[in-house]
């Protein structure tokens, strides 16, 4: 899948000039949880994001494959790395795609990618306590073996429920994937079997809201939110998402007021999207608009809000398809 993904990224980059102005304006107040650029030259394929609860404004991330057992803490105020954690006690990571923070204060790292979509009969999750101090350190991590009840598959999204601590994985498939629920508690004494409990679209990452009542899943070009209760997906709705060259990651801010969307590449951007406020003052990632969608999108009579960024993503997807088709025609010629 990597050559295909790089081709898509190049095509998106070529088309970004057509979509100028659709990204939210960068925050400029110098505070935490703002738009930022990952400055560390060691982070070239940021594939997951998790907002720290112990260190305000800090986001945990990691590279995709071909790196090592490393996790980075990046300060959203500066874009600079303030700690690199080396995991010991685990095997050689193959394709690390996701990271999530559990209610137990542990970081969960998902070595769950499988670009051949079923070439590995098991994948791994690594777990270690979020460090109390931000400095380079080596920590002992626990490794869990994972299998899917219905056979191997590719995945890039791992989410730990912020109340129950249960781990969920969303598989990645262009024709639609599945939401998989792990056992009540992960164990090291055997294989942890994840069972399919819902149907999801093409997913590159996901995140639970801090109260656990919503789940946001993103793809390269759009994002959707789901009501979440009793371990199952409920009503779904459109979520505003920025158009980025290779959209790989998403997380809620620690206070739940916004979503942070990230991408791969050298000096990749992380973009904040504020949540809409409900009548009770709480935020929601998207939802139905009673009259209009406001400046950021369009709305049907009874349908969910469809932001301009999502509509632009659809247009870009069509353009990418045309570029790839032309390329194949030229190669055949």
Foldseek 3Di string as FASTA:
>chain_A
DVVVLVLLLVLLVVCVVVVPPQADDWDDPLDAPTKFWQADQLAFAWFEWEADPLDARWIKTDHFAPHFQWIFIAHRSYNYTQEIEHEPPDDTQGTWHYWYAELVQKIKTWSAADVVFAPDQWTKIKIDHDDNDRYYYYDYIDIAIEGEPVGGGGFREWEQQHPQRWIWTWGADQAWTFIWTWPSDTDRPDYIYTYGAGIGHGFQYKYAQNVRQKIKTDAQQFIKMFGDDPHHTHDIAGFDDAHFSAWRYWYAHNVRQWMWTWGGGNRTMIHTDGFDADPVGHGDRWFADCPADPPFAGHDNTGTTDGPSNVVSVVSVVVSVVVVVVVVVVVVD
